[in-house]
Amino acid sequence: MRIGICLDSWKVPIFEEALTEAGYEFKVTEGITHDTKFMQIEVEDVPPLEILILETNALASSTLGGAA
């Protein structure tokens, strides 16, 4: 199954690192606005990915990029 999320561009490196460490395969493409990206993630079990996304978004929001 493929899940899609839209992210602020500055969050992409944080998500790429978390997804790679967790063993997910993903693809990043242009988002719906100039400062966003669309991430497609291959997944077989959605609940663990949901937790990872929530945790990674909280981490990203607590970084300097979240203050911009």
N, C-alpha and C. Protein backbone atom coordinates (compact mmCIF):
# COMPACT_ATOMS: atom_id res chain seq x y z
N MET A 1 0.84 -1.16 0.00
CA MET A 1 0.00 0.00 0.00
C MET A 1 0.89 1.24 0.00
N ARG A 2 0.42 2.30 -0.60
CA ARG A 2 1.17 3.54 -0.65
C ARG A 2 0.38 4.63 0.09
N ILE A 3 1.06 5.32 0.98
CA ILE A 3 0.48 6.43 1.75
C ILE A 3 1.13 7.72 1.27
N GLY A 4 0.36 8.79 1.15
CA GLY A 4 0.90 10.08 0.75
C GLY A 4 0.71 11.13 1.82
N ILE A 5 1.76 11.92 2.04
CA ILE A 5 1.66 13.05 2.96
C ILE A 5 2.29 14.28 2.30
N CYS A 6 1.75 15.43 2.61
CA CYS A 6 2.29 16.69 2.11
C CYS A 6 3.00 17.38 3.28
N LEU A 7 4.22 17.82 3.03
CA LEU A 7 5.06 18.40 4.08
C LEU A 7 5.61 19.75 3.68
N ASP A 8 5.87 20.59 4.67
CA ASP A 8 6.67 21.78 4.41
C ASP A 8 8.05 21.29 3.96
N SER A 9 8.61 21.96 2.98
CA SER A 9 9.89 21.52 2.41
C SER A 9 10.99 21.35 3.45
N TRP A 10 11.05 22.22 4.45
CA TRP A 10 12.12 22.15 5.44
C TRP A 10 12.01 20.90 6.31
N LYS A 11 10.85 20.25 6.37
CA LYS A 11 10.69 19.04 7.18
C LYS A 11 11.16 17.78 6.46
N VAL A 12 11.33 17.85 5.16
CA VAL A 12 11.64 16.65 4.37
C VAL A 12 12.91 15.94 4.86
N PRO A 13 14.03 16.62 5.10
CA PRO A 13 15.22 15.88 5.57
C PRO A 13 14.99 15.15 6.89
N ILE A 14 14.19 15.72 7.76
CA ILE A 14 13.91 15.09 9.05
C ILE A 14 13.08 13.83 8.82
N PHE A 15 12.08 13.92 7.95
CA PHE A 15 11.26 12.75 7.64
C PHE A 15 12.05 11.70 6.87
N GLU A 16 12.91 12.13 5.95
CA GLU A 16 13.72 11.16 5.20
C GLU A 16 14.60 10.34 6.15
N GLU A 17 15.20 11.00 7.12
CA GLU A 17 16.06 10.30 8.08
C GLU A 17 15.25 9.31 8.91
N ALA A 18 14.10 9.76 9.44
CA ALA A 18 13.28 8.88 10.28
C ALA A 18 12.74 7.68 9.49
N LEU A 19 12.28 7.93 8.28
CA LEU A 19 11.73 6.84 7.46
C LEU A 19 12.81 5.85 7.04
N THR A 20 13.97 6.36 6.69
CA THR A 20 15.09 5.49 6.30
C THR A 20 15.52 4.62 7.47
N GLU A 21 15.65 5.24 8.65
CA GLU A 21 16.06 4.48 9.84
C GLU A 21 15.04 3.39 10.18
N ALA A 22 13.75 3.67 9.90
CA ALA A 22 12.69 2.71 10.20
C ALA A 22 12.52 1.67 9.09
N GLY A 23 13.27 1.82 7.99
CA GLY A 23 13.24 0.84 6.92
C GLY A 23 12.15 1.03 5.87
N TYR A 24 11.54 2.20 5.81
CA TYR A 24 10.51 2.46 4.82
C TYR A 24 11.11 2.89 3.49
N GLU A 25 10.46 2.54 2.40
CA GLU A 25 10.81 3.04 1.07
C GLU A 25 9.87 4.19 0.77
N PHE A 26 10.42 5.27 0.18
CA PHE A 26 9.59 6.44 -0.09
C PHE A 26 10.12 7.21 -1.29
N LYS A 27 9.29 8.08 -1.78
CA LYS A 27 9.63 8.93 -2.92
C LYS A 27 9.13 10.33 -2.61
N VAL A 28 9.95 11.34 -2.91
CA VAL A 28 9.60 12.74 -2.66
C VAL A 28 9.43 13.45 -4.00
N THR A 29 8.30 14.14 -4.15
CA THR A 29 8.04 14.92 -5.36
C THR A 29 7.58 16.32 -4.96
N GLU A 30 7.37 17.15 -5.96
CA GLU A 30 6.91 18.51 -5.69
C GLU A 30 5.56 18.49 -4.99
N GLY A 31 5.35 19.45 -4.11
CA GLY A 31 4.10 19.56 -3.38
C GLY A 31 3.08 20.42 -4.11
N ILE A 32 2.06 20.82 -3.38
CA ILE A 32 0.99 21.60 -4.00
C ILE A 32 1.29 23.09 -4.02
N THR A 33 2.28 23.52 -3.25
CA THR A 33 2.74 24.91 -3.31
C THR A 33 4.26 24.91 -3.44
N HIS A 34 4.84 26.07 -3.67
CA HIS A 34 6.29 26.16 -3.90
C HIS A 34 7.13 25.75 -2.69
N ASP A 35 6.56 25.82 -1.49
CA ASP A 35 7.33 25.51 -0.29
C ASP A 35 6.90 24.20 0.38
N THR A 36 6.28 23.31 -0.40
CA THR A 36 5.89 22.00 0.12
C THR A 36 6.41 20.89 -0.78
N LYS A 37 6.45 19.70 -0.22
CA LYS A 37 6.82 18.49 -0.95
C LYS A 37 5.77 17.43 -0.65
N PHE A 38 5.62 16.50 -1.58
CA PHE A 38 4.71 15.38 -1.41
C PHE A 38 5.56 14.13 -1.24
N MET A 39 5.28 13.36 -0.21
CA MET A 39 6.04 12.16 0.08
C MET A 39 5.13 10.95 -0.05
N GLN A 40 5.54 9.99 -0.87
CA GLN A 40 4.80 8.73 -1.02
C GLN A 40 5.61 7.66 -0.31
N ILE A 41 4.94 6.95 0.62
CA ILE A 41 5.61 5.97 1.46
C ILE A 41 4.98 4.60 1.24
N GLU A 42 5.81 3.61 0.97
CA GLU A 42 5.35 2.23 0.83
C GLU A 42 5.20 1.64 2.23
N VAL A 43 4.02 1.06 2.50
CA VAL A 43 3.75 0.56 3.84
C VAL A 43 2.84 -0.66 3.78
N GLU A 44 3.06 -1.59 4.69
CA GLU A 44 2.18 -2.76 4.80
C GLU A 44 1.31 -2.68 6.05
N ASP A 45 1.79 -1.99 7.09
CA ASP A 45 1.07 -1.88 8.35
C ASP A 45 0.99 -0.40 8.72
N VAL A 46 -0.18 0.19 8.59
CA VAL A 46 -0.35 1.64 8.74
C VAL A 46 -0.14 2.15 10.17
N PRO A 47 -0.67 1.52 11.22
CA PRO A 47 -0.53 2.11 12.56
C PRO A 47 0.90 2.45 12.98
N PRO A 48 1.92 1.59 12.75
CA PRO A 48 3.28 2.00 13.12
C PRO A 48 3.76 3.23 12.33
N LEU A 49 3.36 3.33 11.07
CA LEU A 49 3.74 4.50 10.28
C LEU A 49 3.07 5.74 10.83
N GLU A 50 1.82 5.62 11.23
CA GLU A 50 1.11 6.77 11.81
C GLU A 50 1.85 7.29 13.04
N ILE A 51 2.28 6.39 13.89
CA ILE A 51 3.02 6.79 15.09
C ILE A 51 4.33 7.48 14.70
N LEU A 52 5.04 6.91 13.74
CA LEU A 52 6.30 7.50 13.28
C LEU A 52 6.07 8.90 12.71
N ILE A 53 5.02 9.08 11.93
CA ILE A 53 4.72 10.39 11.35
C ILE A 53 4.42 11.40 12.45
N LEU A 54 3.60 11.03 13.42
CA LEU A 54 3.28 11.94 14.52
C LEU A 54 4.52 12.32 15.33
N GLU A 55 5.36 11.34 15.64
CA GLU A 55 6.58 11.60 16.40
C GLU A 55 7.56 12.46 15.61
N THR A 56 7.70 12.17 14.32
CA THR A 56 8.64 12.92 13.49
C THR A 56 8.16 14.35 13.29
N ASN A 57 6.87 14.53 13.13
CA ASN A 57 6.32 15.89 12.98
C ASN A 57 6.53 16.69 14.25
N ALA A 58 6.34 16.06 15.42
CA ALA A 58 6.58 16.75 16.69
C ALA A 58 8.05 17.13 16.82
N LEU A 59 8.95 16.22 16.42
CA LEU A 59 10.37 16.51 16.45
C LEU A 59 10.70 17.68 15.53
N ALA A 60 10.17 17.62 14.31
CA ALA A 60 10.44 18.69 13.34
C ALA A 60 9.91 20.04 13.86
N SER A 61 8.75 20.02 14.48
CA SER A 61 8.15 21.27 14.98
C SER A 61 8.96 21.87 16.13
N SER A 62 9.73 21.03 16.81
CA SER A 62 10.53 21.53 17.93
C SER A 62 11.91 22.03 17.49
N THR A 63 12.22 21.90 16.21
CA THR A 63 13.52 22.34 15.69
C THR A 63 13.47 23.80 15.29
N LEU A 64 14.61 24.32 14.94
CA LEU A 64 14.71 25.72 14.51
C LEU A 64 13.83 25.97 13.28
N GLY A 65 13.72 25.00 12.39
CA GLY A 65 12.89 25.16 11.20
C GLY A 65 11.44 25.43 11.54
N GLY A 66 10.97 24.90 12.66
CA GLY A 66 9.59 25.11 13.07
C GLY A 66 9.31 26.53 13.49
N ALA A 67 10.37 27.28 13.81
CA ALA A 67 10.19 28.67 14.24
C ALA A 67 10.07 29.61 13.07
N ALA A 68 10.40 29.14 11.88
CA ALA A 68 10.40 30.00 10.69
C ALA A 68 8.99 30.25 10.20
